[in-house]
Amino acid sequence: MLLKKSRYKDTPQFSPGMDGEVLFSGLRSRQIGDAAGVIEHEVVASDRLDQLARHYYNDDRLWWRIVDANPQFYFGPEMLGDAMAGRVILIPKAKESLVS
């Protein structure tokens, strides 16, 4: 059961195959729209997603919003670290009542 405010609440489950068997009981990929009202953040080698979420949203659990706003990266850790120092990532502006 998903929480009402979960970012996965509207995500469909996998459908049964032709034989009626569900091969995977998880959820399909959720749709991610374009980030509206973004802030540009210049990456520092010591940045961490949870710390950026704490700084911008006052909630370290909202790190996934930063990942969603930067779809050119497959994995969150690719956005940070020494190789990314000085580059810019997008931080969506805070919205009220967001919960992970």
N, C-alpha and C. Protein backbone atom coordinates (compact mmCIF):
# COMPACT_ATOMS: atom_id res chain seq x y z
N MET A 1 0.84 -1.19 0.00
CA MET A 1 0.00 0.00 0.00
C MET A 1 0.88 1.25 0.00
N LEU A 2 0.57 2.18 -0.88
CA LEU A 2 1.36 3.40 -0.99
C LEU A 2 0.72 4.51 -0.17
N LEU A 3 1.55 5.34 0.38
CA LEU A 3 1.06 6.49 1.14
C LEU A 3 0.42 7.51 0.22
N LYS A 4 -0.56 8.24 0.72
CA LYS A 4 -1.28 9.24 -0.08
C LYS A 4 -0.36 10.28 -0.69
N LYS A 5 0.67 10.68 0.04
CA LYS A 5 1.55 11.74 -0.44
C LYS A 5 2.83 11.20 -1.08
N SER A 6 2.89 9.91 -1.31
CA SER A 6 4.08 9.30 -1.90
C SER A 6 4.25 9.75 -3.35
N ARG A 7 5.50 9.90 -3.79
CA ARG A 7 5.74 10.25 -5.20
C ARG A 7 5.38 9.09 -6.12
N TYR A 8 5.09 7.92 -5.56
CA TYR A 8 4.72 6.74 -6.34
C TYR A 8 3.22 6.46 -6.32
N LYS A 9 2.40 7.33 -5.71
CA LYS A 9 0.99 7.02 -5.51
C LYS A 9 0.22 6.81 -6.81
N ASP A 10 0.58 7.48 -7.90
CA ASP A 10 -0.13 7.33 -9.16
C ASP A 10 0.60 6.44 -10.16
N THR A 11 1.62 5.75 -9.71
CA THR A 11 2.41 4.90 -10.59
C THR A 11 1.71 3.55 -10.78
N PRO A 12 1.48 3.14 -12.03
CA PRO A 12 0.79 1.87 -12.27
C PRO A 12 1.67 0.66 -11.95
N GLN A 13 1.02 -0.43 -11.58
CA GLN A 13 1.73 -1.69 -11.37
C GLN A 13 1.87 -2.40 -12.70
N PHE A 14 2.74 -3.40 -12.74
CA PHE A 14 2.89 -4.19 -13.95
C PHE A 14 1.62 -4.99 -14.18
N SER A 15 1.24 -5.14 -15.42
CA SER A 15 0.04 -5.88 -15.79
C SER A 15 0.37 -7.36 -16.00
N PRO A 16 -0.63 -8.23 -15.82
CA PRO A 16 -0.41 -9.65 -16.10
C PRO A 16 -0.12 -9.87 -17.58
N GLY A 17 0.64 -10.90 -17.88
CA GLY A 17 0.94 -11.26 -19.26
C GLY A 17 -0.25 -11.95 -19.91
N MET A 18 -0.05 -12.46 -21.11
CA MET A 18 -1.13 -13.13 -21.85
C MET A 18 -1.68 -14.33 -21.09
N ASP A 19 -0.82 -14.98 -20.30
CA ASP A 19 -1.26 -16.16 -19.54
C ASP A 19 -1.88 -15.79 -18.19
N GLY A 20 -1.98 -14.48 -17.90
CA GLY A 20 -2.57 -14.04 -16.65
C GLY A 20 -1.59 -13.97 -15.49
N GLU A 21 -0.34 -14.36 -15.73
CA GLU A 21 0.67 -14.36 -14.67
C GLU A 21 1.37 -13.00 -14.61
N VAL A 22 1.53 -12.49 -13.40
CA VAL A 22 2.28 -11.25 -13.19
C VAL A 22 3.73 -11.65 -12.93
N LEU A 23 4.62 -11.26 -13.85
CA LEU A 23 6.02 -11.64 -13.74
C LEU A 23 6.77 -10.81 -12.69
N PHE A 24 6.31 -9.59 -12.50
CA PHE A 24 6.98 -8.71 -11.55
C PHE A 24 5.91 -7.95 -10.79
N SER A 25 5.93 -8.03 -9.48
CA SER A 25 4.87 -7.43 -8.68
C SER A 25 5.13 -5.97 -8.29
N GLY A 26 6.16 -5.40 -8.84
CA GLY A 26 6.50 -4.01 -8.49
C GLY A 26 5.74 -3.00 -9.32
N LEU A 27 6.23 -1.78 -9.30
CA LEU A 27 5.62 -0.67 -10.02
C LEU A 27 6.39 -0.37 -11.28
N ARG A 28 5.69 0.14 -12.27
CA ARG A 28 6.34 0.62 -13.50
C ARG A 28 7.10 1.90 -13.17
N SER A 29 7.91 2.35 -14.10
CA SER A 29 8.61 3.63 -13.91
C SER A 29 7.58 4.74 -13.80
N ARG A 30 7.81 5.65 -12.88
CA ARG A 30 6.88 6.76 -12.74
C ARG A 30 7.23 7.85 -13.75
N GLN A 31 6.23 8.59 -14.16
CA GLN A 31 6.43 9.68 -15.11
C GLN A 31 7.05 10.87 -14.38
N ILE A 32 8.05 11.46 -14.99
CA ILE A 32 8.71 12.62 -14.41
C ILE A 32 8.55 13.77 -15.37
N GLY A 33 7.87 14.82 -14.95
CA GLY A 33 7.68 16.00 -15.78
C GLY A 33 8.87 16.94 -15.68
N ASP A 34 8.84 17.97 -16.50
CA ASP A 34 9.89 18.98 -16.44
C ASP A 34 9.83 19.71 -15.11
N ALA A 35 10.99 20.06 -14.60
CA ALA A 35 11.06 20.81 -13.34
C ALA A 35 10.70 22.26 -13.62
N ALA A 36 9.77 22.78 -12.85
CA ALA A 36 9.36 24.18 -13.01
C ALA A 36 9.99 25.01 -11.90
N GLY A 37 10.37 26.23 -12.23
CA GLY A 37 10.93 27.13 -11.23
C GLY A 37 12.19 26.56 -10.61
N VAL A 38 13.25 26.48 -11.37
CA VAL A 38 14.48 25.87 -10.87
C VAL A 38 15.51 26.90 -10.43
N ILE A 39 16.39 26.44 -9.59
CA ILE A 39 17.54 27.21 -9.12
C ILE A 39 18.77 26.50 -9.68
N GLU A 40 19.73 27.24 -10.16
CA GLU A 40 20.97 26.64 -10.63
C GLU A 40 21.94 26.55 -9.46
N HIS A 41 22.49 25.37 -9.26
CA HIS A 41 23.43 25.15 -8.15
C HIS A 41 24.78 24.72 -8.74
N GLU A 42 25.82 25.45 -8.39
CA GLU A 42 27.17 25.08 -8.83
C GLU A 42 27.71 24.03 -7.87
N VAL A 43 28.06 22.88 -8.42
CA VAL A 43 28.49 21.73 -7.62
C VAL A 43 29.86 21.98 -7.01
N VAL A 44 29.98 21.62 -5.74
CA VAL A 44 31.24 21.62 -5.00
C VAL A 44 31.56 20.15 -4.75
N ALA A 45 32.81 19.76 -4.80
CA ALA A 45 33.20 18.35 -4.68
C ALA A 45 32.63 17.67 -3.44
N SER A 46 32.41 18.40 -2.37
CA SER A 46 31.91 17.80 -1.13
C SER A 46 30.39 17.71 -1.05
N ASP A 47 29.66 18.18 -2.09
CA ASP A 47 28.20 18.14 -2.07
C ASP A 47 27.67 16.72 -1.97
N ARG A 48 26.56 16.58 -1.25
CA ARG A 48 25.81 15.31 -1.18
C ARG A 48 24.35 15.64 -1.42
N LEU A 49 23.62 14.72 -2.05
CA LEU A 49 22.21 14.97 -2.37
C LEU A 49 21.37 15.24 -1.14
N ASP A 50 21.59 14.47 -0.08
CA ASP A 50 20.79 14.68 1.13
C ASP A 50 21.08 16.04 1.74
N GLN A 51 22.34 16.48 1.68
CA GLN A 51 22.68 17.79 2.24
C GLN A 51 22.11 18.93 1.39
N LEU A 52 22.09 18.74 0.07
CA LEU A 52 21.49 19.76 -0.80
C LEU A 52 19.99 19.85 -0.54
N ALA A 53 19.34 18.70 -0.37
CA ALA A 53 17.91 18.69 -0.07
C ALA A 53 17.64 19.37 1.28
N ARG A 54 18.48 19.13 2.25
CA ARG A 54 18.33 19.79 3.56
C ARG A 54 18.48 21.31 3.40
N HIS A 55 19.45 21.72 2.60
CA HIS A 55 19.70 23.15 2.40
C HIS A 55 18.54 23.82 1.66
N TYR A 56 18.09 23.24 0.55
CA TYR A 56 17.07 23.89 -0.28
C TYR A 56 15.64 23.64 0.18
N TYR A 57 15.38 22.48 0.82
CA TYR A 57 14.01 22.13 1.20
C TYR A 57 13.81 21.96 2.70
N ASN A 58 14.90 22.03 3.45
CA ASN A 58 14.85 21.77 4.89
C ASN A 58 14.34 20.36 5.19
N ASP A 59 14.62 19.43 4.27
CA ASP A 59 14.20 18.03 4.43
C ASP A 59 15.12 17.15 3.59
N ASP A 60 16.01 16.43 4.24
CA ASP A 60 16.98 15.63 3.50
C ASP A 60 16.36 14.45 2.75
N ARG A 61 15.11 14.12 3.04
CA ARG A 61 14.42 13.03 2.33
C ARG A 61 13.97 13.42 0.93
N LEU A 62 14.05 14.70 0.58
CA LEU A 62 13.59 15.16 -0.73
C LEU A 62 14.70 15.22 -1.78
N TRP A 63 15.78 14.49 -1.55
CA TRP A 63 16.90 14.44 -2.50
C TRP A 63 16.45 13.99 -3.89
N TRP A 64 15.43 13.15 -3.95
CA TRP A 64 14.95 12.61 -5.22
C TRP A 64 14.42 13.71 -6.15
N ARG A 65 13.95 14.84 -5.60
CA ARG A 65 13.48 15.94 -6.45
C ARG A 65 14.63 16.52 -7.25
N ILE A 66 15.82 16.56 -6.66
CA ILE A 66 17.00 17.07 -7.36
C ILE A 66 17.38 16.11 -8.48
N VAL A 67 17.34 14.82 -8.20
CA VAL A 67 17.65 13.81 -9.23
C VAL A 67 16.64 13.91 -10.38
N ASP A 68 15.35 14.03 -10.06
CA ASP A 68 14.31 14.14 -11.08
C ASP A 68 14.51 15.35 -11.99
N ALA A 69 15.02 16.44 -11.44
CA ALA A 69 15.19 17.68 -12.21
C ALA A 69 16.40 17.63 -13.14
N ASN A 70 17.21 16.59 -13.03
CA ASN A 70 18.43 16.46 -13.83
C ASN A 70 18.44 15.11 -14.55
N PRO A 71 17.51 14.92 -15.51
CA PRO A 71 17.36 13.61 -16.15
C PRO A 71 18.54 13.17 -17.01
N GLN A 72 19.48 14.05 -17.28
CA GLN A 72 20.64 13.66 -18.07
C GLN A 72 21.58 12.73 -17.29
N PHE A 73 21.36 12.60 -15.99
CA PHE A 73 22.15 11.70 -15.16
C PHE A 73 21.32 10.46 -14.85
N TYR A 74 21.90 9.29 -15.03
CA TYR A 74 21.19 8.04 -14.76
C TYR A 74 21.12 7.73 -13.27
N PHE A 75 22.15 8.11 -12.54
CA PHE A 75 22.23 7.83 -11.11
C PHE A 75 22.58 9.12 -10.38
N GLY A 76 21.95 9.33 -9.23
CA GLY A 76 22.20 10.53 -8.45
C GLY A 76 23.66 10.83 -8.17
N PRO A 77 24.45 9.82 -7.76
CA PRO A 77 25.85 10.11 -7.44
C PRO A 77 26.66 10.65 -8.63
N GLU A 78 26.21 10.43 -9.87
CA GLU A 78 26.91 10.97 -11.03
C GLU A 78 26.89 12.50 -11.04
N MET A 79 25.91 13.09 -10.36
CA MET A 79 25.73 14.54 -10.37
C MET A 79 26.73 15.27 -9.50
N LEU A 80 27.38 14.56 -8.62
CA LEU A 80 28.23 15.20 -7.62
C LEU A 80 29.65 14.63 -7.67
N GLY A 81 30.51 15.15 -6.84
CA GLY A 81 31.88 14.64 -6.73
C GLY A 81 32.89 15.51 -7.46
N ASP A 82 34.13 15.08 -7.39
CA ASP A 82 35.24 15.84 -7.96
C ASP A 82 35.06 16.15 -9.44
N ALA A 83 34.60 15.16 -10.22
CA ALA A 83 34.46 15.35 -11.67
C ALA A 83 33.42 16.40 -12.02
N MET A 84 32.45 16.63 -11.16
CA MET A 84 31.38 17.59 -11.43
C MET A 84 31.62 18.96 -10.80
N ALA A 85 32.67 19.11 -10.02
CA ALA A 85 32.94 20.38 -9.35
C ALA A 85 32.98 21.52 -10.37
N GLY A 86 32.22 22.58 -10.07
CA GLY A 86 32.15 23.73 -10.95
C GLY A 86 31.04 23.67 -11.98
N ARG A 87 30.47 22.49 -12.21
CA ARG A 87 29.35 22.35 -13.15
C ARG A 87 28.06 22.72 -12.45
N VAL A 88 27.02 22.95 -13.21
CA VAL A 88 25.74 23.40 -12.66
C VAL A 88 24.70 22.29 -12.78
N ILE A 89 23.96 22.06 -11.68
CA ILE A 89 22.80 21.18 -11.69
C ILE A 89 21.57 22.01 -11.33
N LEU A 90 20.40 21.47 -11.64
CA LEU A 90 19.16 22.19 -11.37
C LEU A 90 18.54 21.71 -10.07
N ILE A 91 18.04 22.65 -9.31
CA ILE A 91 17.33 22.36 -8.06
C ILE A 91 15.92 22.94 -8.22
N PRO A 92 14.88 22.09 -8.25
CA PRO A 92 13.52 22.65 -8.35
C PRO A 92 13.18 23.43 -7.09
N LYS A 93 12.43 24.50 -7.26
CA LYS A 93 12.01 25.28 -6.11
C LYS A 93 11.14 24.43 -5.20
N ALA A 94 11.19 24.73 -3.92
CA ALA A 94 10.43 23.97 -2.92
C ALA A 94 8.94 24.14 -3.15
N LYS A 95 8.21 23.06 -2.89
CA LYS A 95 6.75 23.08 -2.91
C LYS A 95 6.29 22.70 -1.54
N GLU A 96 5.14 23.16 -1.15
CA GLU A 96 4.62 22.82 0.16
C GLU A 96 4.14 21.37 0.18
N SER A 97 4.21 20.76 1.32
CA SER A 97 3.69 19.42 1.63
C SER A 97 4.23 18.31 0.75
N LEU A 98 5.53 18.36 0.43
CA LEU A 98 6.14 17.25 -0.30
C LEU A 98 6.68 16.24 0.68
N VAL A 99 6.40 14.98 0.45
CA VAL A 99 6.92 13.90 1.28
C VAL A 99 7.44 12.83 0.36
N SER A 100 8.51 12.15 0.75
CA SER A 100 9.04 11.08 -0.10
C SER A 100 8.32 9.79 0.13
